[in-house]
PDB file of all heavy atoms in Angstrom:
ATOM      1  N   SER A   1     -41.950  29.773  35.285  1.00  0.00           N
ATOM      2  CA  SER A   1     -42.208  31.129  34.797  1.00  0.00           C
ATOM      3  C   SER A   1     -42.469  31.197  33.292  1.00  0.00           C
ATOM      4  O   SER A   1     -42.786  32.270  32.770  1.00  0.00           O
ATOM      5  CB  SER A   1     -40.996  32.021  35.113  1.00  0.00           C
ATOM      6  OG  SER A   1     -39.874  31.622  34.324  1.00  0.00           O
ATOM      7  N   GLY A   2     -42.325  30.091  32.589  1.00  0.00           N
ATOM      8  CA  GLY A   2     -42.487  30.105  31.141  1.00  0.00           C
ATOM      9  C   GLY A   2     -41.244  30.544  30.403  1.00  0.00           C
ATOM     10  O   GLY A   2     -41.281  30.794  29.195  1.00  0.00           O
ATOM     11  N   LEU A   3     -40.115  30.614  31.094  1.00  0.00           N
ATOM     12  CA  LEU A   3     -38.879  31.129  30.502  1.00  0.00           C
ATOM     13  C   LEU A   3     -38.222  30.123  29.560  1.00  0.00           C
ATOM     14  O   LEU A   3     -37.652  30.505  28.540  1.00  0.00           O
ATOM     15  CB  LEU A   3     -37.904  31.500  31.622  1.00  0.00           C
ATOM     16  CG  LEU A   3     -36.507  31.984  31.227  1.00  0.00           C
ATOM     17  CD1 LEU A   3     -36.584  33.299  30.447  1.00  0.00           C
ATOM     18  CD2 LEU A   3     -35.630  32.167  32.474  1.00  0.00           C
ATOM     19  N   PHE A   4     -38.311  28.830  29.884  1.00  0.00           N
ATOM     20  CA  PHE A   4     -37.467  27.849  29.212  1.00  0.00           C
ATOM     21  C   PHE A   4     -38.181  27.108  28.087  1.00  0.00           C
ATOM     22  O   PHE A   4     -39.391  26.908  28.115  1.00  0.00           O
ATOM     23  CB  PHE A   4     -36.909  26.853  30.227  1.00  0.00           C
ATOM     24  CG  PHE A   4     -35.974  27.471  31.219  1.00  0.00           C
ATOM     25  CD1 PHE A   4     -36.358  27.672  32.531  1.00  0.00           C
ATOM     26  CD2 PHE A   4     -34.716  27.897  30.833  1.00  0.00           C
ATOM     27  CE1 PHE A   4     -35.498  28.253  33.449  1.00  0.00           C
ATOM     28  CE2 PHE A   4     -33.840  28.485  31.735  1.00  0.00           C
ATOM     29  CZ  PHE A   4     -34.238  28.655  33.042  1.00  0.00           C
ATOM     30  N   TRP A   5     -37.378  26.642  27.125  1.00  0.00           N
ATOM     31  CA  TRP A   5     -37.837  25.965  25.931  1.00  0.00           C
ATOM     32  C   TRP A   5     -38.194  24.505  26.251  1.00  0.00           C
ATOM     33  O   TRP A   5     -37.791  23.951  27.262  1.00  0.00           O
ATOM     34  CB  TRP A   5     -36.758  26.077  24.859  1.00  0.00           C
ATOM     35  CG  TRP A   5     -37.014  25.476  23.517  1.00  0.00           C
ATOM     36  CD1 TRP A   5     -36.215  24.601  22.845  1.00  0.00           C
ATOM     37  CD2 TRP A   5     -38.125  25.741  22.647  1.00  0.00           C
ATOM     38  NE1 TRP A   5     -36.751  24.296  21.616  1.00  0.00           N
ATOM     39  CE2 TRP A   5     -37.925  24.975  21.469  1.00  0.00           C
ATOM     40  CE3 TRP A   5     -39.269  26.529  22.752  1.00  0.00           C
ATOM     41  CZ2 TRP A   5     -38.834  24.981  20.399  1.00  0.00           C
ATOM     42  CZ3 TRP A   5     -40.174  26.549  21.692  1.00  0.00           C
ATOM     43  CH2 TRP A   5     -39.955  25.785  20.537  1.00  0.00           C
ATOM     44  N   THR A   6     -38.928  23.857  25.335  1.00  0.00           N
ATOM     45  CA  THR A   6     -39.534  22.547  25.553  1.00  0.00           C
ATOM     46  C   THR A   6     -38.598  21.478  26.114  1.00  0.00           C
ATOM     47  O   THR A   6     -38.946  20.820  27.112  1.00  0.00           O
ATOM     48  CB  THR A   6     -40.172  22.048  24.246  1.00  0.00           C
ATOM     49  OG1 THR A   6     -41.135  23.025  23.802  1.00  0.00           O
ATOM     50  CG2 THR A   6     -40.848  20.706  24.431  1.00  0.00           C
ATOM     51  N   PRO A   7     -37.410  21.219  25.534  1.00  0.00           N
ATOM     52  CA  PRO A   7     -36.592  20.126  26.081  1.00  0.00           C
ATOM     53  C   PRO A   7     -36.119  20.379  27.505  1.00  0.00           C
ATOM     54  O   PRO A   7     -35.969  19.426  28.285  1.00  0.00           O
ATOM     55  CB  PRO A   7     -35.413  20.035  25.103  1.00  0.00           C
ATOM     56  CG  PRO A   7     -35.389  21.341  24.400  1.00  0.00           C
ATOM     57  CD  PRO A   7     -36.809  21.800  24.336  1.00  0.00           C
ATOM     58  N   VAL A   8     -35.886  21.639  27.849  1.00  0.00           N
ATOM     59  CA  VAL A   8     -35.508  21.960  29.224  1.00  0.00           C
ATOM     60  C   VAL A   8     -36.672  21.656  30.164  1.00  0.00           C
ATOM     61  O   VAL A   8     -36.490  21.065  31.239  1.00  0.00           O
ATOM     62  CB  VAL A   8     -35.082  23.439  29.337  1.00  0.00           C
ATOM     63  CG1 VAL A   8     -34.852  23.832  30.791  1.00  0.00           C
ATOM     64  CG2 VAL A   8     -33.825  23.686  28.516  1.00  0.00           C
ATOM     65  N   MET A   9     -37.871  22.039  29.753  1.00  0.00           N
ATOM     66  CA  MET A   9     -39.035  21.753  30.591  1.00  0.00           C
ATOM     67  C   MET A   9     -39.332  20.257  30.656  1.00  0.00           C
ATOM     68  O   MET A   9     -39.778  19.760  31.689  1.00  0.00           O
ATOM     69  CB  MET A   9     -40.254  22.511  30.065  1.00  0.00           C
ATOM     70  CG  MET A   9     -40.150  24.018  30.243  1.00  0.00           C
ATOM     71  SD  MET A   9     -39.743  24.515  31.956  1.00  0.00           S
ATOM     72  CE  MET A   9     -41.120  23.795  32.873  1.00  0.00           C
ATOM     73  N   ASN A  10     -39.091  19.550  29.557  1.00  0.00           N
ATOM     74  CA  ASN A  10     -39.252  18.091  29.611  1.00  0.00           C
ATOM     75  C   ASN A  10     -38.366  17.501  30.699  1.00  0.00           C
ATOM     76  O   ASN A  10     -38.800  16.651  31.496  1.00  0.00           O
ATOM     77  CB  ASN A  10     -38.876  17.477  28.257  1.00  0.00           C
ATOM     78  CG  ASN A  10     -39.923  17.712  27.193  1.00  0.00           C
ATOM     79  OD1 ASN A  10     -41.042  18.105  27.480  1.00  0.00           O
ATOM     80  ND2 ASN A  10     -39.549  17.475  25.948  1.00  0.00           N
ATOM     81  N   THR A  11     -37.107  17.922  30.723  1.00  0.00           N
ATOM     82  CA  THR A  11     -36.188  17.432  31.754  1.00  0.00           C
ATOM     83  C   THR A  11     -36.648  17.856  33.139  1.00  0.00           C
ATOM     84  O   THR A  11     -36.602  17.065  34.088  1.00  0.00           O
ATOM     85  CB  THR A  11     -34.760  17.936  31.479  1.00  0.00           C
ATOM     86  OG1 THR A  11     -34.200  17.203  30.390  1.00  0.00           O
ATOM     87  CG2 THR A  11     -33.863  17.757  32.696  1.00  0.00           C
ATOM     88  N   TYR A  12     -37.082  19.101  33.271  1.00  0.00           N
ATOM     89  CA  TYR A  12     -37.510  19.575  34.585  1.00  0.00           C
ATOM     90  C   TYR A  12     -38.629  18.705  35.151  1.00  0.00           C
ATOM     91  O   TYR A  12     -38.594  18.306  36.334  1.00  0.00           O
ATOM     92  CB  TYR A  12     -37.977  21.033  34.504  1.00  0.00           C
ATOM     93  CG  TYR A  12     -38.587  21.511  35.794  1.00  0.00           C
ATOM     94  CD1 TYR A  12     -37.796  21.788  36.897  1.00  0.00           C
ATOM     95  CD2 TYR A  12     -39.976  21.640  35.922  1.00  0.00           C
ATOM     96  CE1 TYR A  12     -38.354  22.192  38.104  1.00  0.00           C
ATOM     97  CE2 TYR A  12     -40.541  22.043  37.118  1.00  0.00           C
ATOM     98  CZ  TYR A  12     -39.732  22.312  38.210  1.00  0.00           C
ATOM     99  OH  TYR A  12     -40.291  22.697  39.404  1.00  0.00           O
ATOM    100  N   TRP A  13     -39.608  18.389  34.322  1.00  0.00           N
ATOM    101  CA  TRP A  13     -40.719  17.580  34.824  1.00  0.00           C
ATOM    102  C   TRP A  13     -40.293  16.148  35.098  1.00  0.00           C
ATOM    103  O   TRP A  13     -40.787  15.503  36.032  1.00  0.00           O
ATOM    104  CB  TRP A  13     -41.895  17.628  33.847  1.00  0.00           C
ATOM    105  CG  TRP A  13     -42.550  18.975  33.827  1.00  0.00           C
ATOM    106  CD1 TRP A  13     -42.621  19.844  32.791  1.00  0.00           C
ATOM    107  CD2 TRP A  13     -43.193  19.618  34.931  1.00  0.00           C
ATOM    108  NE1 TRP A  13     -43.260  21.002  33.164  1.00  0.00           N
ATOM    109  CE2 TRP A  13     -43.624  20.894  34.467  1.00  0.00           C
ATOM    110  CE3 TRP A  13     -43.449  19.260  36.257  1.00  0.00           C
ATOM    111  CZ2 TRP A  13     -44.303  21.787  35.292  1.00  0.00           C
ATOM    112  CZ3 TRP A  13     -44.126  20.157  37.076  1.00  0.00           C
ATOM    113  CH2 TRP A  13     -44.533  21.407  36.588  1.00  0.00           C
ATOM    114  N   LYS A  14     -39.356  15.629  34.307  1.00  0.00           N
ATOM    115  CA  LYS A  14     -38.822  14.292  34.597  1.00  0.00           C
ATOM    116  C   LYS A  14     -38.139  14.265  35.964  1.00  0.00           C
ATOM    117  O   LYS A  14     -38.268  13.310  36.727  1.00  0.00           O
ATOM    118  CB  LYS A  14     -37.830  13.868  33.514  1.00  0.00           C
ATOM    119  CG  LYS A  14     -38.450  13.552  32.164  1.00  0.00           C
ATOM    120  CD  LYS A  14     -37.359  13.257  31.136  1.00  0.00           C
ATOM    121  CE  LYS A  14     -37.930  13.053  29.756  1.00  0.00           C
ATOM    122  NZ  LYS A  14     -36.879  12.806  28.732  1.00  0.00           N
ATOM    123  N   LEU A  15     -37.397  15.334  36.258  1.00  0.00           N
ATOM    124  CA  LEU A  15     -36.691  15.413  37.531  1.00  0.00           C
ATOM    125  C   LEU A  15     -37.638  15.642  38.702  1.00  0.00           C
ATOM    126  O   LEU A  15     -37.518  15.007  39.754  1.00  0.00           O
ATOM    127  CB  LEU A  15     -35.661  16.546  37.486  1.00  0.00           C
ATOM    128  CG  LEU A  15     -34.502  16.434  36.500  1.00  0.00           C
ATOM    129  CD1 LEU A  15     -33.710  17.735  36.488  1.00  0.00           C
ATOM    130  CD2 LEU A  15     -33.593  15.260  36.857  1.00  0.00           C
ATOM    131  N   SER A  16     -38.561  16.573  38.542  1.00  0.00           N
ATOM    132  CA  SER A  16     -39.370  17.023  39.669  1.00  0.00           C
ATOM    133  C   SER A  16     -40.604  16.158  39.919  1.00  0.00           C
ATOM    134  O   SER A  16     -41.059  16.054  41.064  1.00  0.00           O
ATOM    135  CB  SER A  16     -39.810  18.479  39.462  1.00  0.00           C
ATOM    136  OG  SER A  16     -40.622  18.597  38.298  1.00  0.00           O
ATOM    137  N   ALA A  17     -41.127  15.534  38.857  1.00  0.00           N
ATOM    138  CA  ALA A  17     -42.382  14.803  39.009  1.00  0.00           C
ATOM    139  C   ALA A  17     -42.255  13.296  38.800  1.00  0.00           C
ATOM    140  O   ALA A  17     -43.105  12.543  39.280  1.00  0.00           O
ATOM    141  CB  ALA A  17     -43.423  15.355  38.027  1.00  0.00           C
ATOM    142  N   GLU A  18     -41.221  12.863  38.082  1.00  0.00           N
ATOM    143  CA  GLU A  18     -41.133  11.449  37.746  1.00  0.00           C
ATOM    144  C   GLU A  18     -39.958  10.728  38.403  1.00  0.00           C
ATOM    145  O   GLU A  18     -39.865   9.503  38.333  1.00  0.00           O
ATOM    146  CB  GLU A  18     -41.029  11.283  36.219  1.00  0.00           C
ATOM    147  CG  GLU A  18     -42.217  11.850  35.464  1.00  0.00           C
ATOM    148  CD  GLU A  18     -42.022  11.784  33.961  1.00  0.00           C
ATOM    149  OE1 GLU A  18     -41.275  10.913  33.484  1.00  0.00           O
ATOM    150  OE2 GLU A  18     -42.625  12.616  33.261  1.00  0.00           O
ATOM    151  N   GLY A  19     -39.057  11.474  39.001  1.00  0.00           N
ATOM    152  CA  GLY A  19     -37.934  10.847  39.673  1.00  0.00           C
ATOM    153  C   GLY A  19     -36.930  10.200  38.743  1.00  0.00           C
ATOM    154  O   GLY A  19     -36.217   9.270  39.131  1.00  0.00           O
ATOM    155  N   ILE A  20     -36.847  10.689  37.504  1.00  0.00           N
ATOM    156  CA  ILE A  20     -35.890  10.143  36.539  1.00  0.00           C
ATOM    157  C   ILE A  20     -34.473  10.523  36.967  1.00  0.00           C
ATOM    158  O   ILE A  20     -34.214  11.645  37.410  1.00  0.00           O
ATOM    159  CB  ILE A  20     -36.168  10.694  35.128  1.00  0.00           C
ATOM    160  CG1 ILE A  20     -37.583  10.307  34.678  1.00  0.00           C
ATOM    161  CG2 ILE A  20     -35.126  10.213  34.134  1.00  0.00           C
ATOM    162  CD1 ILE A  20     -37.803   8.827  34.512  1.00  0.00           C
ATOM    163  N   ALA A  21     -33.537   9.594  36.834  1.00  0.00           N
ATOM    164  CA  ALA A  21     -32.142   9.888  37.148  1.00  0.00           C
ATOM    165  C   ALA A  21     -31.614  10.970  36.216  1.00  0.00           C
ATOM    166  O   ALA A  21     -31.881  10.928  35.003  1.00  0.00           O
ATOM    167  CB  ALA A  21     -31.300   8.627  37.009  1.00  0.00           C
ATOM    168  N   PRO A  22     -30.882  11.960  36.729  1.00  0.00           N
ATOM    169  CA  PRO A  22     -30.408  13.058  35.884  1.00  0.00           C
ATOM    170  C   PRO A  22     -29.653  12.604  34.651  1.00  0.00           C
ATOM    171  O   PRO A  22     -29.805  13.186  33.575  1.00  0.00           O
ATOM    172  CB  PRO A  22     -29.523  13.864  36.830  1.00  0.00           C
ATOM    173  CG  PRO A  22     -30.138  13.656  38.172  1.00  0.00           C
ATOM    174  CD  PRO A  22     -30.590  12.229  38.154  1.00  0.00           C
ATOM    175  N   ARG A  23     -28.834  11.562  34.763  1.00  0.00           N
ATOM    176  CA  ARG A  23     -28.047  11.117  33.614  1.00  0.00           C
ATOM    177  C   ARG A  23     -28.909  10.513  32.523  1.00  0.00           C
ATOM    178  O   ARG A  23     -28.457  10.344  31.397  1.00  0.00           O
ATOM    179  CB  ARG A  23     -26.996  10.101  34.067  1.00  0.00           C
ATOM    180  CG  ARG A  23     -25.861  10.726  34.863  1.00  0.00           C
ATOM    181  CD  ARG A  23     -24.859   9.697  35.319  1.00  0.00           C
ATOM    182  NE  ARG A  23     -23.747  10.334  36.022  1.00  0.00           N
ATOM    183  CZ  ARG A  23     -22.765   9.654  36.601  1.00  0.00           C
ATOM    184  NH1 ARG A  23     -22.764   8.335  36.554  1.00  0.00           N
ATOM    185  NH2 ARG A  23     -21.790  10.294  37.218  1.00  0.00           N
ATOM    186  N   GLU A  24     -30.162  10.189  32.837  1.00  0.00           N
ATOM    187  CA  GLU A  24     -31.070   9.612  31.854  1.00  0.00           C
ATOM    188  C   GLU A  24     -32.143  10.593  31.417  1.00  0.00           C
ATOM    189  O   GLU A  24     -32.961  10.283  30.553  1.00  0.00           O
ATOM    190  CB  GLU A  24     -31.734   8.364  32.440  1.00  0.00           C
ATOM    191  CG  GLU A  24     -30.749   7.274  32.828  1.00  0.00           C
ATOM    192  CD  GLU A  24     -31.414   6.112  33.543  1.00  0.00           C
ATOM    193  OE1 GLU A  24     -32.654   6.119  33.668  1.00  0.00           O
ATOM    194  OE2 GLU A  24     -30.697   5.204  33.980  1.00  0.00           O
TER     195      GLU A  24
END
């Protein structure tokens, strides 16, 4: 929705598109 700031979105895409482990 465009609500969140850059580092939050960086994490979101790592989780949703790259399969990065949450702790990393």
